[in-house]
């Protein structure tokens, strides 16, 4: 769960790759509001409830150069002109959409900053497991051959 600080900073809780968590300063986040489609009754045409949250990881002072590099690499397909854009319009309230957009941005950053999983080391099947597999195959073959039509000799 991310928190919105009183100053508007985005606090990302600790996790893999972020042992102490992370705080994105409010001046590094840009919010734009527009009219949202969908349900809302008469207020849907008058309320700017859709939120577009933009963050530039390349110029961020909240990230270390290594973290910035990792985010840019991991989220390369999500970047729009080098900036990370998150849109939220599923709620009728602008406040709830702001919270949802910040939540998504924090989740994306946590996932991007997590270290890659350790590489799988290939292993060879044990002699016992190979023998068991072949024995099971032979038993299955005997069962199937027992179903064959009996030929008179």
C-alpha atoms as a PDB file:
ATOM      1  CA  UNK A   1       0.000   0.000   0.000  1.00  0.00           C
ATOM      2  CA  UNK A   2       1.505   3.319  -0.992  1.00  0.00           C
ATOM      3  CA  UNK A   3       1.033   6.412   1.032  1.00  0.00           C
ATOM      4  CA  UNK A   4       0.497   9.941  -0.126  1.00  0.00           C
ATOM      5  CA  UNK A   5       2.543  12.145   2.161  1.00  0.00           C
ATOM      6  CA  UNK A   6       1.167  15.444   3.385  1.00  0.00           C
ATOM      7  CA  UNK A   7       3.507  17.178   0.945  1.00  0.00           C
ATOM      8  CA  UNK A   8       2.289  15.080  -2.007  1.00  0.00           C
ATOM      9  CA  UNK A   9       5.366  12.837  -2.065  1.00  0.00           C
ATOM     10  CA  UNK A  10       4.847   9.223  -3.140  1.00  0.00           C
ATOM     11  CA  UNK A  11       6.174   6.715  -0.586  1.00  0.00           C
ATOM     12  CA  UNK A  12       6.920   3.286  -2.051  1.00  0.00           C
ATOM     13  CA  UNK A  13       7.115   0.661   0.722  1.00  0.00           C
ATOM     14  CA  UNK A  14      10.155  -1.643   1.121  1.00  0.00           C
ATOM     15  CA  UNK A  15      10.321  -4.765  -0.994  1.00  0.00           C
ATOM     16  CA  UNK A  16      12.729  -6.825  -3.113  1.00  0.00           C
ATOM     17  CA  UNK A  17      15.383  -4.477  -4.454  1.00  0.00           C
ATOM     18  CA  UNK A  18      14.122  -1.693  -2.147  1.00  0.00           C
ATOM     19  CA  UNK A  19      15.126  -2.670   1.394  1.00  0.00           C
ATOM     20  CA  UNK A  20      14.508   0.823   2.768  1.00  0.00           C
ATOM     21  CA  UNK A  21      11.631   1.747   0.467  1.00  0.00           C
ATOM     22  CA  UNK A  22      11.617   4.793  -1.777  1.00  0.00           C
ATOM     23  CA  UNK A  23      10.158   8.294  -1.716  1.00  0.00           C
ATOM     24  CA  UNK A  24       9.407  10.031  -5.013  1.00  0.00           C
ATOM     25  CA  UNK A  25       9.255  13.766  -4.442  1.00  0.00           C
ATOM     26  CA  UNK A  26       6.052  15.579  -5.428  1.00  0.00           C
ATOM     27  CA  UNK A  27       7.902  17.927  -7.783  1.00  0.00           C
ATOM     28  CA  UNK A  28       8.977  14.911  -9.887  1.00  0.00           C
ATOM     29  CA  UNK A  29       5.364  13.807 -10.445  1.00  0.00           C
ATOM     30  CA  UNK A  30       3.076  15.543 -12.894  1.00  0.00           C
ATOM     31  CA  UNK A  31      -0.681  15.092 -12.677  1.00  0.00           C
ATOM     32  CA  UNK A  32      -3.142  16.022 -15.403  1.00  0.00           C
ATOM     33  CA  UNK A  33      -6.890  15.798 -15.079  1.00  0.00           C
ATOM     34  CA  UNK A  34      -9.507  15.343 -17.791  1.00  0.00           C
ATOM     35  CA  UNK A  35     -13.055  14.150 -18.230  1.00  0.00           C
ATOM     36  CA  UNK A  36     -13.521  10.443 -17.830  1.00  0.00           C
ATOM     37  CA  UNK A  37     -15.833   8.262 -19.863  1.00  0.00           C
ATOM     38  CA  UNK A  38     -18.214   5.778 -18.299  1.00  0.00           C
ATOM     39  CA  UNK A  39     -20.860   5.972 -15.582  1.00  0.00           C
ATOM     40  CA  UNK A  40     -21.353   9.068 -13.489  1.00  0.00           C
ATOM     41  CA  UNK A  41     -24.767  10.445 -14.284  1.00  0.00           C
ATOM     42  CA  UNK A  42     -25.066  14.181 -14.892  1.00  0.00           C
ATOM     43  CA  UNK A  43     -21.691  14.857 -13.282  1.00  0.00           C
ATOM     44  CA  UNK A  44     -19.745  12.840 -15.861  1.00  0.00           C
ATOM     45  CA  UNK A  45     -19.663  15.780 -18.265  1.00  0.00           C
ATOM     46  CA  UNK A  46     -18.592  18.357 -15.693  1.00  0.00           C
ATOM     47  CA  UNK A  47     -16.056  16.592 -13.483  1.00  0.00           C
ATOM     48  CA  UNK A  48     -12.413  16.114 -14.445  1.00  0.00           C
ATOM     49  CA  UNK A  49     -12.030  12.765 -12.672  1.00  0.00           C
ATOM     50  CA  UNK A  50      -9.600  10.987 -15.055  1.00  0.00           C
ATOM     51  CA  UNK A  51      -6.022  11.214 -13.768  1.00  0.00           C
ATOM     52  CA  UNK A  52      -2.857  10.962 -15.855  1.00  0.00           C
ATOM     53  CA  UNK A  53       0.248  10.658 -13.660  1.00  0.00           C
ATOM     54  CA  UNK A  54       3.627  11.184 -15.346  1.00  0.00           C
ATOM     55  CA  UNK A  55       7.083  10.370 -13.958  1.00  0.00           C
ATOM     56  CA  UNK A  56      10.467  10.773 -15.674  1.00  0.00           C
ATOM     57  CA  UNK A  57      12.866   8.134 -14.286  1.00  0.00           C
ATOM     58  CA  UNK A  58      15.825   9.430 -16.328  1.00  0.00           C
ATOM     59  CA  UNK A  59      15.900  12.837 -14.605  1.00  0.00           C
ATOM     60  CA  UNK A  60      14.622  11.748 -11.193  1.00  0.00           C
ATOM     61  CA  UNK A  61      16.665  12.834  -8.189  1.00  0.00           C
ATOM     62  CA  UNK A  62      14.842  10.292  -5.998  1.00  0.00           C
ATOM     63  CA  UNK A  63      16.434   7.340  -7.826  1.00  0.00           C
ATOM     64  CA  UNK A  64      20.104   6.448  -7.842  1.00  0.00           C
ATOM     65  CA  UNK A  65      21.713   6.269 -11.316  1.00  0.00           C
ATOM     66  CA  UNK A  66      21.653   2.447 -11.112  1.00  0.00           C
ATOM     67  CA  UNK A  67      17.967   2.415 -10.119  1.00  0.00           C
ATOM     68  CA  UNK A  68      17.125   4.858 -12.886  1.00  0.00           C
ATOM     69  CA  UNK A  69      18.922   2.655 -15.408  1.00  0.00           C
ATOM     70  CA  UNK A  70      17.117  -0.432 -14.149  1.00  0.00           C
ATOM     71  CA  UNK A  71      13.694   1.254 -14.351  1.00  0.00           C
ATOM     72  CA  UNK A  72      14.361   2.546 -17.878  1.00  0.00           C
ATOM     73  CA  UNK A  73      15.435  -0.932 -19.000  1.00  0.00           C
ATOM     74  CA  UNK A  74      12.588  -2.831 -17.320  1.00  0.00           C
ATOM     75  CA  UNK A  75       9.814  -0.441 -18.376  1.00  0.00           C
ATOM     76  CA  UNK A  76      11.133   0.485 -21.841  1.00  0.00           C
ATOM     77  CA  UNK A  77       7.944  -0.743 -23.532  1.00  0.00           C
ATOM     78  CA  UNK A  78       5.777   1.390 -21.190  1.00  0.00           C
ATOM     79  CA  UNK A  79       7.648   4.679 -21.664  1.00  0.00           C
ATOM     80  CA  UNK A  80       6.134   7.504 -23.709  1.00  0.00           C
ATOM     81  CA  UNK A  81       8.846   9.905 -24.889  1.00  0.00           C
ATOM     82  CA  UNK A  82      11.081   8.666 -22.080  1.00  0.00           C
ATOM     83  CA  UNK A  83       8.442   9.207 -19.391  1.00  0.00           C
ATOM     84  CA  UNK A  84       6.312   6.724 -17.493  1.00  0.00           C
ATOM     85  CA  UNK A  85       2.595   7.534 -17.834  1.00  0.00           C
ATOM     86  CA  UNK A  86      -0.075   5.941 -15.641  1.00  0.00           C
ATOM     87  CA  UNK A  87      -3.781   6.605 -16.275  1.00  0.00           C
ATOM     88  CA  UNK A  88      -6.625   5.953 -13.846  1.00  0.00           C
ATOM     89  CA  UNK A  89     -10.286   6.536 -14.657  1.00  0.00           C
ATOM     90  CA  UNK A  90     -12.113   3.608 -13.079  1.00  0.00           C
ATOM     91  CA  UNK A  91     -13.562   5.601 -10.161  1.00  0.00           C
ATOM     92  CA  UNK A  92     -16.043   8.468 -10.249  1.00  0.00           C
ATOM     93  CA  UNK A  93     -13.975  10.498  -7.800  1.00  0.00           C
ATOM     94  CA  UNK A  94     -10.823  12.363  -8.813  1.00  0.00           C
ATOM     95  CA  UNK A  95      -9.326  11.676  -5.388  1.00  0.00           C
ATOM     96  CA  UNK A  96      -9.802   7.915  -5.715  1.00  0.00           C
ATOM     97  CA  UNK A  97      -8.383   7.977  -9.254  1.00  0.00           C
ATOM     98  CA  UNK A  98      -5.335   9.904  -7.984  1.00  0.00           C
ATOM     99  CA  UNK A  99      -4.783   7.235  -5.332  1.00  0.00           C
ATOM    100  CA  UNK A 100      -5.219   4.442  -7.913  1.00  0.00           C
ATOM    101  CA  UNK A 101      -2.722   6.041 -10.313  1.00  0.00           C
ATOM    102  CA  UNK A 102      -0.153   6.498  -7.539  1.00  0.00           C
ATOM    103  CA  UNK A 103      -0.726   2.908  -6.405  1.00  0.00           C
ATOM    104  CA  UNK A 104      -0.078   1.637  -9.942  1.00  0.00           C
ATOM    105  CA  UNK A 105       3.038   3.772 -10.358  1.00  0.00           C
ATOM    106  CA  UNK A 106       4.436   2.501  -7.055  1.00  0.00           C
ATOM    107  CA  UNK A 107       3.722  -1.126  -8.040  1.00  0.00           C
ATOM    108  CA  UNK A 108       5.416  -0.631 -11.418  1.00  0.00           C
ATOM    109  CA  UNK A 109       8.490   0.910  -9.787  1.00  0.00           C
ATOM    110  CA  UNK A 110       8.721  -1.873  -7.193  1.00  0.00           C
ATOM    111  CA  UNK A 111       8.493  -4.504  -9.900  1.00  0.00           C
ATOM    112  CA  UNK A 112      11.056  -2.746 -12.105  1.00  0.00           C
ATOM    113  CA  UNK A 113      13.526  -2.302  -9.242  1.00  0.00           C
ATOM    114  CA  UNK A 114      13.283  -5.913  -8.038  1.00  0.00           C
ATOM    115  CA  UNK A 115      16.402  -7.904  -8.881  1.00  0.00           C
ATOM    116  CA  UNK A 116      16.051 -10.558 -11.576  1.00  0.00           C
ATOM    117  CA  UNK A 117      15.423 -14.094 -10.270  1.00  0.00           C
ATOM    118  CA  UNK A 118      18.472 -16.363 -10.064  1.00  0.00           C
ATOM    119  CA  UNK A 119      19.211 -18.219 -13.259  1.00  0.00           C
ATOM    120  CA  UNK A 120      18.046 -21.839 -13.361  1.00  0.00           C
ATOM    121  CA  UNK A 121      20.813 -24.386 -13.123  1.00  0.00           C
ATOM    122  CA  UNK A 122      20.224 -27.376 -15.371  1.00  0.00           C
ATOM    123  CA  UNK A 123      20.347 -30.716 -13.567  1.00  0.00           C
ATOM    124  CA  UNK A 124      20.634 -34.286 -14.805  1.00  0.00           C
ATOM    125  CA  UNK A 125      17.958 -36.845 -13.838  1.00  0.00           C
ATOM    126  CA  UNK A 126      19.215 -39.391 -11.304  1.00  0.00           C
ATOM    127  CA  UNK A 127      19.809 -42.971 -12.372  1.00  0.00           C
ATOM    128  CA  UNK A 128      17.004 -44.125 -10.049  1.00  0.00           C
ATOM    129  CA  UNK A 129      14.468 -41.695 -11.534  1.00  0.00           C
ATOM    130  CA  UNK A 130      15.440 -42.805 -15.061  1.00  0.00           C
ATOM    131  CA  UNK A 131      14.978 -46.460 -14.077  1.00  0.00           C
ATOM    132  CA  UNK A 132      11.579 -45.759 -12.478  1.00  0.00           C
ATOM    133  CA  UNK A 133      10.420 -43.878 -15.590  1.00  0.00           C
ATOM    134  CA  UNK A 134      11.465 -46.741 -17.892  1.00  0.00           C
ATOM    135  CA  UNK A 135       9.861 -49.359 -15.606  1.00  0.00           C
ATOM    136  CA  UNK A 136       6.599 -47.372 -15.600  1.00  0.00           C
ATOM    137  CA  UNK A 137       6.730 -47.142 -19.398  1.00  0.00           C
ATOM    138  CA  UNK A 138       7.239 -50.904 -19.679  1.00  0.00           C
ATOM    139  CA  UNK A 139       4.303 -51.629 -17.316  1.00  0.00           C
ATOM    140  CA  UNK A 140       2.076 -49.259 -19.273  1.00  0.00           C
ATOM    141  CA  UNK A 141       3.090 -50.971 -22.522  1.00  0.00           C
ATOM    142  CA  UNK A 142       2.189 -54.388 -21.060  1.00  0.00           C
ATOM    143  CA  UNK A 143      -1.222 -53.083 -20.008  1.00  0.00           C
ATOM    144  CA  UNK A 144      -1.894 -51.728 -23.493  1.00  0.00           C
ATOM    145  CA  UNK A 145      -0.670 -54.890 -25.245  1.00  0.00           C
ATOM    146  CA  UNK A 146      -3.088 -56.875 -23.061  1.00  0.00           C
ATOM    147  CA  UNK A 147      -5.960 -54.946 -24.672  1.00  0.00           C
ATOM    148  CA  UNK A 148      -5.083 -56.146 -28.172  1.00  0.00           C
ATOM    149  CA  UNK A 149      -7.426 -58.443 -30.017  1.00  0.00           C
ATOM    150  CA  UNK A 150      -6.657 -62.112 -29.356  1.00  0.00           C
ATOM    151  CA  UNK A 151      -5.610 -63.971 -32.526  1.00  0.00           C
ATOM    152  CA  UNK A 152      -6.444 -67.635 -32.857  1.00  0.00           C
ATOM    153  CA  UNK A 153      -3.240 -69.609 -33.538  1.00  0.00           C
END
